[in-house]
């Protein structure tokens, strides 16, 4: 699959943009496990052009994270144009427009999935962003705003017509949020529409190697995007690729392997954000890395009380040396 001139191979696996999750520290881990393209957390166009520190910080990334896309969102076309130009200065491989976020603070203000209620504006905004940058522009969206207007087939054609280079579709509506099951039938219809010639990327409920390969083959998409299933489970990318190439599902990582991955993530976070902030933000990941391990709750609670990198490193080393006894 190629997005403009960016060649991602025959079976691309993409890391979805997720707020408070896909920062540089986590993107590096996922790239290490074989994610072919990663995305930043989504960046507010209004905050970015106001020079908000947090939004400017989201534009930062390391070369080892490449290829990378910066995702922006907003409800004002002029602000989105300026934000796209600012994002392009960070030299990512592409700019992605978020038309998929369904949360109230975004969609309720007419941004993200909220723009599916105003398709003409969505198209005008996309065309404006495409025109204002030399980078490839992609879009991530949903099936429609609600069950009464699942109009993604028409929207996909119109987005393609104004110049986007790839389209990611999450198989839910805006009002569905993250509930129920993702419906990939319309994703397949978009991909199989003879008018479509840009890559179509499927997203939603890809949580195992078997499902990934099954959906890739059944719906004919050009790539798969993985979001929530990668949290605490970044090895899902390498597991999917192994199954795709060999038909074998790799065994779950050992306790020792999980500890080492968690340690790498922690070090990345501290390097990126400093010891205090890195440790605080890493706390949201501990439960995910060690989910389903018996008796881990007490250790997670201990991890949440530790305040220095040295203390956490020592604690993880103790767990690593005594995995059976400790867990």
Protein backbone atom coordinates (compact mmCIF):
# COMPACT_ATOMS: atom_id res chain seq x y z
CA UNK A 1 0.00 0.00 0.00
CA UNK A 2 1.21 3.47 -0.88
CA UNK A 3 -0.02 6.74 0.61
CA UNK A 4 1.13 9.11 -2.07
CA UNK A 5 4.87 8.25 -2.22
CA UNK A 6 4.99 6.51 1.19
CA UNK A 7 5.23 2.75 0.63
CA UNK A 8 4.02 0.74 3.63
CA UNK A 9 4.19 -2.72 2.10
CA UNK A 10 1.57 -5.35 1.33
CA UNK A 11 0.11 -5.80 4.82
CA UNK A 12 0.39 -2.49 6.70
CA UNK A 13 -0.47 -2.23 10.38
CA UNK A 14 -1.10 1.26 11.73
CA UNK A 15 -1.28 2.60 15.27
CA UNK A 16 -4.40 4.72 15.75
CA UNK A 17 -4.14 8.18 17.28
CA UNK A 18 -5.39 8.11 20.88
CA UNK A 19 -5.48 11.03 23.27
CA UNK A 20 -3.28 10.58 26.36
CA UNK A 21 -1.98 7.30 24.93
CA UNK A 22 -0.06 7.69 21.68
CA UNK A 23 2.64 10.02 22.92
CA UNK A 24 6.23 9.63 21.77
CA UNK A 25 7.09 7.07 24.45
CA UNK A 26 4.31 4.70 23.38
CA UNK A 27 4.81 5.29 19.67
CA UNK A 28 8.43 4.19 19.99
CA UNK A 29 7.35 0.94 21.65
CA UNK A 30 4.77 0.22 18.93
CA UNK A 31 7.22 0.98 16.14
CA UNK A 32 9.61 -1.45 17.79
CA UNK A 33 6.96 -4.16 17.59
CA UNK A 34 6.30 -3.55 13.92
CA UNK A 35 3.68 -0.81 13.57
CA UNK A 36 4.28 0.44 10.03
CA UNK A 37 2.86 3.93 10.59
CA UNK A 38 2.05 5.73 13.84
CA UNK A 39 0.07 8.87 14.62
CA UNK A 40 0.32 11.56 17.24
CA UNK A 41 -2.38 12.24 19.76
CA UNK A 42 -4.92 14.48 18.05
CA UNK A 43 -4.02 18.16 18.10
CA UNK A 44 -6.58 20.93 18.49
CA UNK A 45 -6.24 23.46 15.68
CA UNK A 46 -7.48 26.29 17.88
CA UNK A 47 -5.08 25.46 20.69
CA UNK A 48 -2.20 25.09 18.27
CA UNK A 49 -2.65 28.46 16.61
CA UNK A 50 -3.01 30.06 20.06
CA UNK A 51 0.43 28.62 20.77
CA UNK A 52 -0.78 26.40 23.61
CA UNK A 53 2.23 24.60 25.07
CA UNK A 54 0.58 21.16 25.27
CA UNK A 55 -0.53 21.28 21.65
CA UNK A 56 2.87 22.42 20.37
CA UNK A 57 4.46 19.65 22.40
CA UNK A 58 2.35 17.06 20.58
CA UNK A 59 4.09 17.98 17.33
CA UNK A 60 7.42 16.68 18.62
CA UNK A 61 8.66 13.24 17.66
CA UNK A 62 11.90 11.33 17.18
CA UNK A 63 13.26 10.07 13.88
CA UNK A 64 12.91 6.47 15.09
CA UNK A 65 9.14 6.98 15.19
CA UNK A 66 8.97 7.59 11.44
CA UNK A 67 6.90 7.22 9.40
CA UNK A 68 4.48 9.33 11.42
CA UNK A 69 1.34 11.34 10.82
CA UNK A 70 0.20 14.37 12.78
CA UNK A 71 -3.55 14.39 13.34
CA UNK A 72 -5.41 17.68 13.71
CA UNK A 73 -9.04 18.53 14.49
CA UNK A 74 -11.21 21.60 14.68
CA UNK A 75 -14.42 23.22 13.48
CA UNK A 76 -13.10 26.36 11.79
CA UNK A 77 -11.66 26.05 8.29
CA UNK A 78 -9.21 28.95 8.62
CA UNK A 79 -7.86 27.55 11.88
CA UNK A 80 -7.45 24.10 10.35
CA UNK A 81 -5.50 25.58 7.43
CA UNK A 82 -3.10 27.38 9.75
CA UNK A 83 -2.78 24.36 12.04
CA UNK A 84 -1.96 22.13 9.06
CA UNK A 85 0.78 24.53 8.00
CA UNK A 86 2.21 24.56 11.53
CA UNK A 87 2.07 20.77 11.72
CA UNK A 88 3.82 20.49 8.36
CA UNK A 89 6.75 22.48 9.75
CA UNK A 90 7.44 19.53 12.07
CA UNK A 91 8.07 17.46 8.88
CA UNK A 92 5.87 14.42 9.47
CA UNK A 93 5.18 12.08 6.58
CA UNK A 94 1.54 13.19 6.40
CA UNK A 95 -1.23 15.27 7.94
CA UNK A 96 -4.36 13.46 9.10
CA UNK A 97 -7.73 15.13 9.72
CA UNK A 98 -9.83 13.80 12.58
CA UNK A 99 -13.47 13.47 11.56
CA UNK A 100 -13.95 10.49 13.85
CA UNK A 101 -13.69 11.54 17.50
CA UNK A 102 -17.17 11.15 19.04
CA UNK A 103 -16.57 12.53 22.54
CA UNK A 104 -18.84 15.40 23.58
CA UNK A 105 -16.12 18.00 24.14
CA UNK A 106 -15.02 17.52 20.50
CA UNK A 107 -18.06 16.39 18.50
CA UNK A 108 -20.40 18.62 20.52
CA UNK A 109 -18.46 21.64 19.31
CA UNK A 110 -18.79 20.67 15.66
CA UNK A 111 -15.37 19.06 15.31
CA UNK A 112 -14.30 15.44 14.96
CA UNK A 113 -17.26 13.18 14.24
CA UNK A 114 -19.54 16.18 14.75
CA UNK A 115 -18.66 17.31 11.23
CA UNK A 116 -20.49 14.26 9.89
CA UNK A 117 -23.59 16.36 10.60
CA UNK A 118 -22.33 18.94 8.12
CA UNK A 119 -20.82 17.06 5.21
CA UNK A 120 -20.48 20.10 2.92
CA UNK A 121 -18.36 21.83 5.58
CA UNK A 122 -16.35 18.64 6.08
CA UNK A 123 -15.54 18.59 2.38
CA UNK A 124 -14.68 22.31 2.24
CA UNK A 125 -12.40 21.93 5.26
CA UNK A 126 -10.64 18.94 3.75
CA UNK A 127 -10.13 20.70 0.43
CA UNK A 128 -8.69 23.75 2.22
CA UNK A 129 -6.22 21.63 4.20
CA UNK A 130 -5.16 19.73 1.08
CA UNK A 131 -4.49 22.99 -0.75
CA UNK A 132 -2.47 24.62 2.02
CA UNK A 133 0.23 21.94 2.41
CA UNK A 134 2.51 19.94 0.15
CA UNK A 135 2.31 16.94 2.47
CA UNK A 136 -0.14 14.10 1.80
CA UNK A 137 -3.42 14.63 3.64
CA UNK A 138 -5.43 11.69 4.96
CA UNK A 139 -8.72 11.48 6.85
CA UNK A 140 -10.02 9.33 9.67
CA UNK A 141 -13.78 9.16 10.02
CA UNK A 142 -16.75 6.95 10.90
CA UNK A 143 -19.65 5.31 9.08
CA UNK A 144 -21.85 8.35 9.62
CA UNK A 145 -23.24 10.35 12.50
CA UNK A 146 -25.97 7.87 13.49
CA UNK A 147 -27.87 4.84 12.20
CA UNK A 148 -30.15 7.06 10.09
CA UNK A 149 -27.29 8.55 8.10
CA UNK A 150 -24.59 5.99 7.44
CA UNK A 151 -23.37 7.91 4.43
CA UNK A 152 -19.71 6.94 4.36
CA UNK A 153 -19.82 5.59 0.78
CA UNK A 154 -20.79 9.01 -0.56
CA UNK A 155 -18.51 10.87 1.86
CA UNK A 156 -15.53 8.72 0.85
CA UNK A 157 -15.98 9.60 -2.83
CA UNK A 158 -16.25 13.31 -2.05
CA UNK A 159 -13.18 13.29 0.20
CA UNK A 160 -11.22 11.50 -2.49
CA UNK A 161 -12.37 14.04 -5.06
CA UNK A 162 -10.86 16.94 -3.09
CA UNK A 163 -7.48 15.27 -2.90
CA UNK A 164 -6.94 13.12 0.17
CA UNK A 165 -4.42 10.33 -0.27
CA UNK A 166 -5.94 7.69 2.06
CA UNK A 167 -9.05 7.18 4.16
CA UNK A 168 -9.37 5.41 7.49
CA UNK A 169 -12.87 4.32 8.49
CA UNK A 170 -13.86 3.32 12.01
CA UNK A 171 -16.73 0.87 11.80
CA UNK A 172 -19.08 2.71 14.16
CA UNK A 173 -21.27 5.81 13.96
CA UNK A 174 -20.62 8.97 15.93
CA UNK A 175 -23.51 8.40 18.32
CA UNK A 176 -22.38 4.83 18.89
CA UNK A 177 -19.19 6.14 20.52
CA UNK A 178 -17.22 2.96 21.36
CA UNK A 179 -20.18 0.75 22.27
CA UNK A 180 -21.42 -2.34 20.48
CA UNK A 181 -19.50 -4.04 17.71
CA UNK A 182 -17.79 -2.35 14.80
CA UNK A 183 -19.60 -2.95 11.50
CA UNK A 184 -17.11 -3.53 8.71
CA UNK A 185 -19.62 -4.16 5.93
CA UNK A 186 -19.70 -0.50 4.89
CA UNK A 187 -15.93 -0.30 5.11
CA UNK A 188 -15.88 -3.14 2.60
CA UNK A 189 -18.39 -1.31 0.40
CA UNK A 190 -16.16 1.75 0.31
CA UNK A 191 -13.13 -0.32 -0.56
CA UNK A 192 -14.97 -2.20 -3.31
CA UNK A 193 -16.55 0.91 -4.79
CA UNK A 194 -15.11 1.06 -8.34
CA UNK A 195 -14.82 4.84 -8.05
CA UNK A 196 -12.35 4.59 -5.16
CA UNK A 197 -8.67 4.50 -6.02
CA UNK A 198 -7.02 5.71 -2.80
CA UNK A 199 -6.14 3.28 0.02
CA UNK A 200 -8.94 2.42 2.43
CA UNK A 201 -7.87 1.52 5.97
CA UNK A 202 -10.15 -0.43 8.31
CA UNK A 203 -10.40 0.33 12.02
CA UNK A 204 -12.48 -1.00 14.88
CA UNK A 205 -12.36 -4.08 17.13
CA UNK A 206 -9.12 -5.54 15.72
CA UNK A 207 -8.01 -7.22 18.92
CA UNK A 208 -6.38 -10.49 17.85
CA UNK A 209 -4.16 -11.86 15.08
CA UNK A 210 -6.93 -14.13 13.77
CA UNK A 211 -9.47 -11.32 13.53
CA UNK A 212 -6.91 -9.02 11.90
CA UNK A 213 -6.13 -11.42 9.08
CA UNK A 214 -9.77 -12.48 8.70
CA UNK A 215 -10.99 -8.89 8.32
CA UNK A 216 -8.11 -7.93 6.03
CA UNK A 217 -8.99 -10.76 3.68
CA UNK A 218 -12.79 -10.59 3.98
CA UNK A 219 -13.22 -6.87 3.43
CA UNK A 220 -10.29 -6.30 1.09
CA UNK A 221 -8.96 -3.23 2.90
CA UNK A 222 -5.49 -1.93 2.13
CA UNK A 223 -4.37 -1.73 5.76
CA UNK A 224 -5.52 -2.22 9.34
CA UNK A 225 -5.47 0.41 12.07
CA UNK A 226 -5.28 -0.75 15.68
CA UNK A 227 -6.18 1.40 18.64
CA UNK A 228 -7.38 0.27 22.06
CA UNK A 229 -6.14 -3.31 21.57
CA UNK A 230 -2.55 -2.01 21.47
CA UNK A 231 -2.76 -0.41 24.92
CA UNK A 232 -0.75 -2.60 27.28
CA UNK A 233 -0.36 -4.97 24.34
CA UNK A 234 2.00 -3.31 21.83
CA UNK A 235 3.25 -6.73 20.75
CA UNK A 236 -0.09 -7.16 18.96
CA UNK A 237 1.58 -5.75 15.83
CA UNK A 238 4.28 -8.42 15.73
CA UNK A 239 1.76 -11.13 16.70
CA UNK A 240 -0.52 -10.18 13.80
CA UNK A 241 2.35 -10.16 11.33
CA UNK A 242 3.59 -13.54 12.56
CA UNK A 243 0.12 -15.03 12.12
CA UNK A 244 -0.27 -13.43 8.68
CA UNK A 245 3.05 -14.87 7.51
CA UNK A 246 3.04 -18.28 9.22
CA UNK A 247 -0.50 -19.04 10.39
CA UNK A 248 0.84 -19.46 13.92
CA UNK A 249 -0.39 -17.39 16.89
CA UNK A 250 2.60 -16.57 19.12
CA UNK A 251 2.33 -17.36 22.83
CA UNK A 252 1.60 -14.51 25.22
CA UNK A 253 4.71 -12.71 26.49
CA UNK A 254 6.08 -14.03 29.75
CA UNK A 255 5.93 -11.98 32.94
CA UNK A 256 9.61 -11.22 32.48
CA UNK A 257 9.02 -9.97 28.92
CA UNK A 258 6.12 -7.77 30.02
CA UNK A 259 8.26 -6.24 32.75
CA UNK A 260 11.00 -5.45 30.24
CA UNK A 261 8.53 -3.83 27.81
CA UNK A 262 7.01 -1.82 30.65
CA UNK A 263 10.51 -0.73 31.71
CA UNK A 264 11.34 0.43 28.18
CA UNK A 265 8.11 2.41 28.01
CA UNK A 266 8.83 3.99 31.39
CA UNK A 267 12.33 5.03 30.35
CA UNK A 268 11.00 6.52 27.13
CA UNK A 269 8.40 8.49 29.10
CA UNK A 270 10.95 9.85 31.55
CA UNK A 271 13.34 10.76 28.74
CA UNK A 272 10.54 12.54 26.89
CA UNK A 273 8.77 14.34 29.73
CA UNK A 274 11.12 14.35 32.70
CA UNK A 275 11.02 12.12 35.75
CA UNK A 276 8.03 13.56 37.59
CA UNK A 277 5.64 13.92 34.65
CA UNK A 278 6.87 10.76 32.94
CA UNK A 279 6.19 8.66 36.03
CA UNK A 280 2.78 10.22 36.63
CA UNK A 281 1.63 9.60 33.06
CA UNK A 282 3.05 6.10 33.01
CA UNK A 283 0.73 5.10 35.86
CA UNK A 284 -2.18 4.76 33.46
CA UNK A 285 -0.37 1.95 31.65
CA UNK A 286 0.61 -0.43 34.47
CA UNK A 287 -2.73 -2.22 34.75
CA UNK A 288 -2.81 -2.78 30.98
CA UNK A 289 0.66 -4.27 30.76
CA UNK A 290 -0.07 -6.78 33.49
CA UNK A 291 -3.76 -7.46 32.90
CA UNK A 292 -4.98 -10.99 33.60
CA UNK A 293 -1.96 -11.86 35.74
CA UNK A 294 -3.03 -13.38 39.06
CA UNK A 295 -2.29 -11.43 42.21
CA UNK A 296 -0.88 -8.42 40.37
CA UNK A 297 -3.28 -5.88 41.84
CA UNK A 298 -1.24 -5.44 45.02
CA UNK A 299 1.90 -4.82 42.97
CA UNK A 300 0.15 -2.30 40.76
CA UNK A 301 -0.96 -0.40 43.83
CA UNK A 302 2.65 -0.35 45.02
CA UNK A 303 3.82 0.91 41.65
CA UNK A 304 1.36 3.78 41.90
CA UNK A 305 2.98 5.00 45.11
CA UNK A 306 6.57 5.06 43.85
CA UNK A 307 7.82 8.52 42.93
CA UNK A 308 11.30 8.08 41.47
CA UNK A 309 12.67 6.21 38.48
CA UNK A 310 15.23 4.46 40.69
CA UNK A 311 12.49 3.15 43.00
CA UNK A 312 10.40 1.86 40.11
CA UNK A 313 13.40 0.28 38.37
CA UNK A 314 14.29 -1.51 41.61
CA UNK A 315 10.72 -2.69 42.07
CA UNK A 316 10.49 -3.99 38.50
CA UNK A 317 13.83 -5.76 38.89
CA UNK A 318 12.51 -7.53 41.98
CA UNK A 319 9.41 -8.64 40.08
CA UNK A 320 11.57 -9.78 37.17
CA UNK A 321 13.83 -11.89 39.36
CA UNK A 322 10.94 -13.52 41.19
CA UNK A 323 8.06 -13.68 38.68
CA UNK A 324 6.53 -16.93 39.90
CA UNK A 325 6.85 -16.14 43.58
CA UNK A 326 5.72 -12.55 43.16
CA UNK A 327 2.86 -13.06 40.75
